[in-house]
Amino acid sequence: MENRKAVNKVVSFAKKCFKQTRPKFLEVRRVKDERITEFGYPPVVLRSKAIVKYLVYADYTDQLRVYFFSNSGQSLGAKNYDKPNDIKIEIAKKSNLIAKFPRNRRP
């Protein structure tokens, strides 16, 4: 239940941010756990938990603003990046999409 409340907090923040700043688009993402090592038969996988659990990134074409959130939905700050394409590819590899604004709606 705690996880659902955290996701709702982050998504509501993203909606408010999208309405106020009007970026080209905005995505809410959950950061994947990182694989440390795999050994033995059957394989045993050790994973590390990330401090940053959720990301919200706003694309302004020439700049990317990334907001960081903890597991409980608490804000951990934000950072601007000048080369958005490189950062977007890296974020897509290490996270899962939760929500995207604007939503593409069917006619």
N, C-alpha and C. Protein backbone atom coordinates (compact mmCIF):
# COMPACT_ATOMS: atom_id res chain seq x y z
N MET A 1 0.82 -1.19 0.00
CA MET A 1 0.00 0.00 0.00
C MET A 1 0.86 1.26 0.00
N GLU A 2 1.97 1.20 0.72
CA GLU A 2 2.87 2.35 0.78
C GLU A 2 3.40 2.70 -0.61
N ASN A 3 3.69 1.68 -1.41
CA ASN A 3 4.23 1.90 -2.74
C ASN A 3 3.22 2.64 -3.62
N ARG A 4 1.94 2.28 -3.52
CA ARG A 4 0.91 2.93 -4.32
C ARG A 4 0.77 4.41 -3.96
N LYS A 5 0.86 4.70 -2.66
CA LYS A 5 0.78 6.10 -2.23
C LYS A 5 1.96 6.90 -2.76
N ALA A 6 3.15 6.30 -2.75
CA ALA A 6 4.34 6.98 -3.26
C ALA A 6 4.20 7.27 -4.75
N VAL A 7 3.71 6.29 -5.50
CA VAL A 7 3.52 6.48 -6.93
C VAL A 7 2.50 7.57 -7.19
N ASN A 8 1.41 7.59 -6.42
CA ASN A 8 0.40 8.63 -6.59
C ASN A 8 0.96 10.01 -6.29
N LYS A 9 1.82 10.13 -5.28
CA LYS A 9 2.46 11.42 -4.96
C LYS A 9 3.31 11.90 -6.13
N VAL A 10 4.11 10.99 -6.68
CA VAL A 10 5.02 11.35 -7.76
C VAL A 10 4.23 11.72 -9.02
N VAL A 11 3.19 10.97 -9.33
CA VAL A 11 2.39 11.26 -10.53
C VAL A 11 1.64 12.58 -10.37
N SER A 12 1.13 12.86 -9.17
CA SER A 12 0.44 14.14 -8.97
C SER A 12 1.42 15.31 -9.08
N PHE A 13 2.66 15.12 -8.59
CA PHE A 13 3.69 16.14 -8.78
C PHE A 13 3.95 16.35 -10.27
N ALA A 14 4.02 15.27 -11.03
CA ALA A 14 4.30 15.36 -12.46
C ALA A 14 3.18 16.10 -13.18
N LYS A 15 1.92 15.83 -12.82
CA LYS A 15 0.80 16.54 -13.44
C LYS A 15 0.87 18.03 -13.18
N LYS A 16 1.17 18.38 -11.93
CA LYS A 16 1.26 19.80 -11.56
C LYS A 16 2.43 20.47 -12.30
N CYS A 17 3.55 19.78 -12.38
CA CYS A 17 4.73 20.32 -13.07
C CYS A 17 4.42 20.50 -14.56
N PHE A 18 3.71 19.55 -15.16
CA PHE A 18 3.39 19.64 -16.58
C PHE A 18 2.47 20.83 -16.86
N LYS A 19 1.50 21.05 -15.99
CA LYS A 19 0.58 22.17 -16.18
C LYS A 19 1.26 23.52 -16.00
N GLN A 20 2.21 23.61 -15.07
CA GLN A 20 2.85 24.89 -14.77
C GLN A 20 3.96 25.24 -15.75
N THR A 21 4.82 24.29 -16.09
CA THR A 21 6.00 24.61 -16.89
C THR A 21 5.85 24.31 -18.37
N ARG A 22 4.86 23.47 -18.75
CA ARG A 22 4.56 23.13 -20.14
C ARG A 22 5.78 22.66 -20.93
N PRO A 23 6.44 21.57 -20.51
CA PRO A 23 7.52 21.02 -21.31
C PRO A 23 6.96 20.32 -22.55
N LYS A 24 7.84 19.92 -23.45
CA LYS A 24 7.44 19.19 -24.65
C LYS A 24 6.74 17.90 -24.25
N PHE A 25 7.35 17.15 -23.34
CA PHE A 25 6.69 16.01 -22.70
C PHE A 25 7.37 15.73 -21.37
N LEU A 26 6.71 14.94 -20.56
CA LEU A 26 7.19 14.65 -19.21
C LEU A 26 6.93 13.18 -18.92
N GLU A 27 7.89 12.48 -18.33
CA GLU A 27 7.74 11.06 -18.02
C GLU A 27 8.01 10.79 -16.56
N VAL A 28 7.24 9.86 -15.99
CA VAL A 28 7.46 9.35 -14.64
C VAL A 28 8.00 7.94 -14.79
N ARG A 29 9.13 7.65 -14.15
CA ARG A 29 9.77 6.35 -14.29
C ARG A 29 10.18 5.77 -12.94
N ARG A 30 10.16 4.43 -12.84
CA ARG A 30 10.63 3.71 -11.66
C ARG A 30 12.00 3.13 -11.98
N VAL A 31 12.98 3.41 -11.12
CA VAL A 31 14.35 2.96 -11.33
C VAL A 31 14.45 1.47 -11.00
N LYS A 32 15.10 0.71 -11.89
CA LYS A 32 15.29 -0.72 -11.68
C LYS A 32 16.36 -0.96 -10.63
N ASP A 33 16.25 -2.09 -9.93
CA ASP A 33 17.32 -2.50 -9.03
C ASP A 33 18.52 -2.92 -9.87
N GLU A 34 19.70 -2.65 -9.36
CA GLU A 34 20.91 -2.93 -10.12
C GLU A 34 21.46 -4.31 -9.76
N ARG A 35 21.82 -5.09 -10.76
CA ARG A 35 22.39 -6.42 -10.55
C ARG A 35 23.86 -6.27 -10.18
N ILE A 36 24.24 -6.85 -9.05
CA ILE A 36 25.63 -6.77 -8.61
C ILE A 36 26.42 -7.95 -9.17
N THR A 37 25.95 -9.16 -8.88
CA THR A 37 26.68 -10.34 -9.32
C THR A 37 25.74 -11.54 -9.44
N GLU A 38 26.17 -12.51 -10.22
CA GLU A 38 25.43 -13.74 -10.39
C GLU A 38 26.43 -14.88 -10.31
N PHE A 39 26.15 -15.89 -9.50
CA PHE A 39 27.11 -16.99 -9.36
C PHE A 39 26.38 -18.27 -9.00
N GLY A 40 27.09 -19.41 -9.18
CA GLY A 40 26.60 -20.72 -8.76
C GLY A 40 25.62 -21.35 -9.72
N TYR A 41 25.27 -22.61 -9.37
CA TYR A 41 24.26 -23.33 -10.13
C TYR A 41 23.27 -23.93 -9.17
N PRO A 42 22.03 -23.67 -9.17
CA PRO A 42 21.34 -22.68 -9.99
C PRO A 42 21.81 -21.28 -9.65
N PRO A 43 21.76 -20.38 -10.62
CA PRO A 43 22.34 -19.05 -10.41
C PRO A 43 21.68 -18.28 -9.27
N VAL A 44 22.51 -17.69 -8.45
CA VAL A 44 22.07 -16.81 -7.36
C VAL A 44 22.42 -15.39 -7.79
N VAL A 45 21.43 -14.51 -7.76
CA VAL A 45 21.63 -13.13 -8.21
C VAL A 45 21.52 -12.21 -7.01
N LEU A 46 22.54 -11.38 -6.80
CA LEU A 46 22.52 -10.37 -5.75
C LEU A 46 22.19 -9.04 -6.40
N ARG A 47 21.27 -8.31 -5.79
CA ARG A 47 20.86 -7.02 -6.33
C ARG A 47 21.01 -5.95 -5.26
N SER A 48 21.27 -4.73 -5.71
CA SER A 48 21.35 -3.62 -4.77
C SER A 48 20.13 -2.72 -4.98
N LYS A 49 19.60 -2.19 -3.90
CA LYS A 49 18.46 -1.28 -3.95
C LYS A 49 18.96 0.14 -4.19
N ALA A 50 18.27 0.87 -5.02
CA ALA A 50 18.65 2.25 -5.33
C ALA A 50 18.05 3.19 -4.29
N ILE A 51 18.78 4.24 -3.94
CA ILE A 51 18.26 5.28 -3.05
C ILE A 51 17.18 6.07 -3.78
N VAL A 52 17.44 6.39 -5.03
CA VAL A 52 16.45 7.07 -5.87
C VAL A 52 15.57 5.99 -6.49
N LYS A 53 14.28 6.01 -6.17
CA LYS A 53 13.38 4.98 -6.67
C LYS A 53 12.54 5.47 -7.85
N TYR A 54 12.21 6.75 -7.89
CA TYR A 54 11.38 7.31 -8.96
C TYR A 54 12.05 8.53 -9.58
N LEU A 55 11.87 8.67 -10.88
CA LEU A 55 12.38 9.82 -11.63
C LEU A 55 11.22 10.48 -12.37
N VAL A 56 11.26 11.78 -12.43
CA VAL A 56 10.36 12.53 -13.29
C VAL A 56 11.26 13.38 -14.16
N TYR A 57 11.15 13.21 -15.48
CA TYR A 57 11.98 14.09 -16.31
C TYR A 57 11.13 14.85 -17.31
N ALA A 58 11.47 16.12 -17.42
CA ALA A 58 10.77 17.05 -18.30
C ALA A 58 11.71 17.42 -19.44
N ASP A 59 11.24 17.23 -20.67
CA ASP A 59 12.04 17.50 -21.86
C ASP A 59 11.64 18.85 -22.43
N TYR A 60 12.59 19.79 -22.44
CA TYR A 60 12.38 21.13 -23.01
C TYR A 60 13.15 21.29 -24.31
N THR A 61 13.34 20.23 -25.08
CA THR A 61 14.07 20.12 -26.34
C THR A 61 15.55 20.44 -26.21
N ASP A 62 15.95 21.60 -25.70
CA ASP A 62 17.37 21.92 -25.58
C ASP A 62 17.92 21.57 -24.21
N GLN A 63 17.06 21.25 -23.27
CA GLN A 63 17.49 20.96 -21.91
C GLN A 63 16.57 19.90 -21.30
N LEU A 64 17.11 19.12 -20.38
CA LEU A 64 16.35 18.08 -19.69
C LEU A 64 16.44 18.33 -18.20
N ARG A 65 15.29 18.38 -17.52
CA ARG A 65 15.27 18.57 -16.06
C ARG A 65 14.79 17.26 -15.44
N VAL A 66 15.60 16.70 -14.54
CA VAL A 66 15.28 15.43 -13.90
C VAL A 66 15.05 15.67 -12.41
N TYR A 67 13.88 15.23 -11.92
CA TYR A 67 13.53 15.31 -10.50
C TYR A 67 13.70 13.91 -9.91
N PHE A 68 14.27 13.82 -8.70
CA PHE A 68 14.54 12.55 -8.04
C PHE A 68 13.62 12.39 -6.84
N PHE A 69 13.10 11.15 -6.63
CA PHE A 69 12.21 10.85 -5.51
C PHE A 69 12.65 9.56 -4.83
N SER A 70 12.41 9.49 -3.51
CA SER A 70 12.76 8.31 -2.73
C SER A 70 11.66 7.25 -2.86
N ASN A 71 11.84 6.14 -2.17
CA ASN A 71 10.88 5.04 -2.18
C ASN A 71 9.54 5.45 -1.60
N SER A 72 9.53 6.42 -0.68
CA SER A 72 8.29 6.88 -0.05
C SER A 72 7.65 8.04 -0.81
N GLY A 73 8.25 8.49 -1.89
CA GLY A 73 7.69 9.58 -2.69
C GLY A 73 8.18 10.95 -2.27
N GLN A 74 9.19 11.00 -1.42
CA GLN A 74 9.74 12.28 -0.95
C GLN A 74 10.74 12.81 -1.98
N SER A 75 10.68 14.09 -2.24
CA SER A 75 11.57 14.71 -3.22
C SER A 75 13.01 14.74 -2.71
N LEU A 76 13.95 14.38 -3.59
CA LEU A 76 15.37 14.39 -3.25
C LEU A 76 16.14 15.45 -4.04
N GLY A 77 15.42 16.27 -4.81
CA GLY A 77 16.08 17.33 -5.55
C GLY A 77 15.89 17.17 -7.05
N ALA A 78 16.57 18.03 -7.80
CA ALA A 78 16.47 18.02 -9.25
C ALA A 78 17.79 18.47 -9.85
N LYS A 79 17.96 18.15 -11.14
CA LYS A 79 19.19 18.52 -11.83
C LYS A 79 18.87 18.79 -13.30
N ASN A 80 19.56 19.77 -13.89
CA ASN A 80 19.41 20.10 -15.31
C ASN A 80 20.55 19.48 -16.11
N TYR A 81 20.24 18.99 -17.31
CA TYR A 81 21.24 18.43 -18.22
C TYR A 81 21.13 19.14 -19.56
N ASP A 82 22.29 19.44 -20.16
CA ASP A 82 22.30 20.17 -21.42
C ASP A 82 22.19 19.27 -22.65
N LYS A 83 22.62 18.01 -22.56
CA LYS A 83 22.54 17.08 -23.69
C LYS A 83 21.45 16.05 -23.39
N PRO A 84 20.22 16.36 -23.76
CA PRO A 84 19.09 15.50 -23.35
C PRO A 84 19.08 14.11 -23.97
N ASN A 85 19.55 13.94 -25.21
CA ASN A 85 19.46 12.64 -25.86
C ASN A 85 20.30 11.58 -25.17
N ASP A 86 21.51 11.92 -24.75
CA ASP A 86 22.37 10.96 -24.06
C ASP A 86 21.76 10.53 -22.73
N ILE A 87 21.23 11.46 -22.00
CA ILE A 87 20.65 11.17 -20.68
C ILE A 87 19.37 10.36 -20.84
N LYS A 88 18.53 10.69 -21.84
CA LYS A 88 17.28 9.97 -22.04
C LYS A 88 17.52 8.50 -22.35
N ILE A 89 18.53 8.20 -23.15
CA ILE A 89 18.85 6.81 -23.48
C ILE A 89 19.29 6.06 -22.23
N GLU A 90 20.13 6.68 -21.42
CA GLU A 90 20.61 6.06 -20.18
C GLU A 90 19.45 5.83 -19.20
N ILE A 91 18.56 6.79 -19.08
CA ILE A 91 17.41 6.65 -18.18
C ILE A 91 16.49 5.53 -18.66
N ALA A 92 16.27 5.44 -19.96
CA ALA A 92 15.37 4.41 -20.51
C ALA A 92 15.91 3.01 -20.24
N LYS A 93 17.23 2.83 -20.27
CA LYS A 93 17.83 1.52 -20.01
C LYS A 93 17.65 1.09 -18.56
N LYS A 94 17.72 2.05 -17.63
CA LYS A 94 17.77 1.71 -16.21
C LYS A 94 16.47 1.96 -15.47
N SER A 95 15.34 2.14 -16.20
CA SER A 95 14.07 2.42 -15.52
C SER A 95 12.89 1.91 -16.34
N ASN A 96 11.73 1.85 -15.69
CA ASN A 96 10.48 1.45 -16.33
C ASN A 96 9.51 2.62 -16.33
N LEU A 97 8.78 2.77 -17.42
CA LEU A 97 7.83 3.86 -17.58
C LEU A 97 6.57 3.62 -16.74
N ILE A 98 6.16 4.63 -15.97
CA ILE A 98 4.92 4.57 -15.19
C ILE A 98 3.85 5.43 -15.86
N ALA A 99 4.19 6.68 -16.20
CA ALA A 99 3.22 7.59 -16.82
C ALA A 99 3.96 8.55 -17.74
N LYS A 100 3.21 9.05 -18.74
CA LYS A 100 3.79 10.01 -19.68
C LYS A 100 2.76 11.09 -19.96
N PHE A 101 3.21 12.34 -19.98
CA PHE A 101 2.34 13.49 -20.28
C PHE A 101 2.94 14.24 -21.44
N PRO A 102 2.28 14.68 -22.45
CA PRO A 102 0.86 14.48 -22.67
C PRO A 102 0.60 13.05 -23.12
N ARG A 103 -0.54 12.54 -22.74
CA ARG A 103 -0.93 11.19 -23.14
C ARG A 103 -1.40 11.23 -24.59
N ASN A 104 -1.02 10.23 -25.35
CA ASN A 104 -1.51 10.13 -26.72
C ASN A 104 -2.88 9.48 -26.68
N ARG A 105 -3.89 10.22 -27.04
CA ARG A 105 -5.27 9.72 -26.98
C ARG A 105 -5.77 9.38 -28.38
N ARG A 106 -6.59 8.36 -28.42
CA ARG A 106 -7.20 7.97 -29.71
C ARG A 106 -8.34 8.93 -30.06
N PRO A 107 -8.50 9.21 -31.35
CA PRO A 107 -9.61 10.10 -31.75
C PRO A 107 -10.96 9.44 -31.60
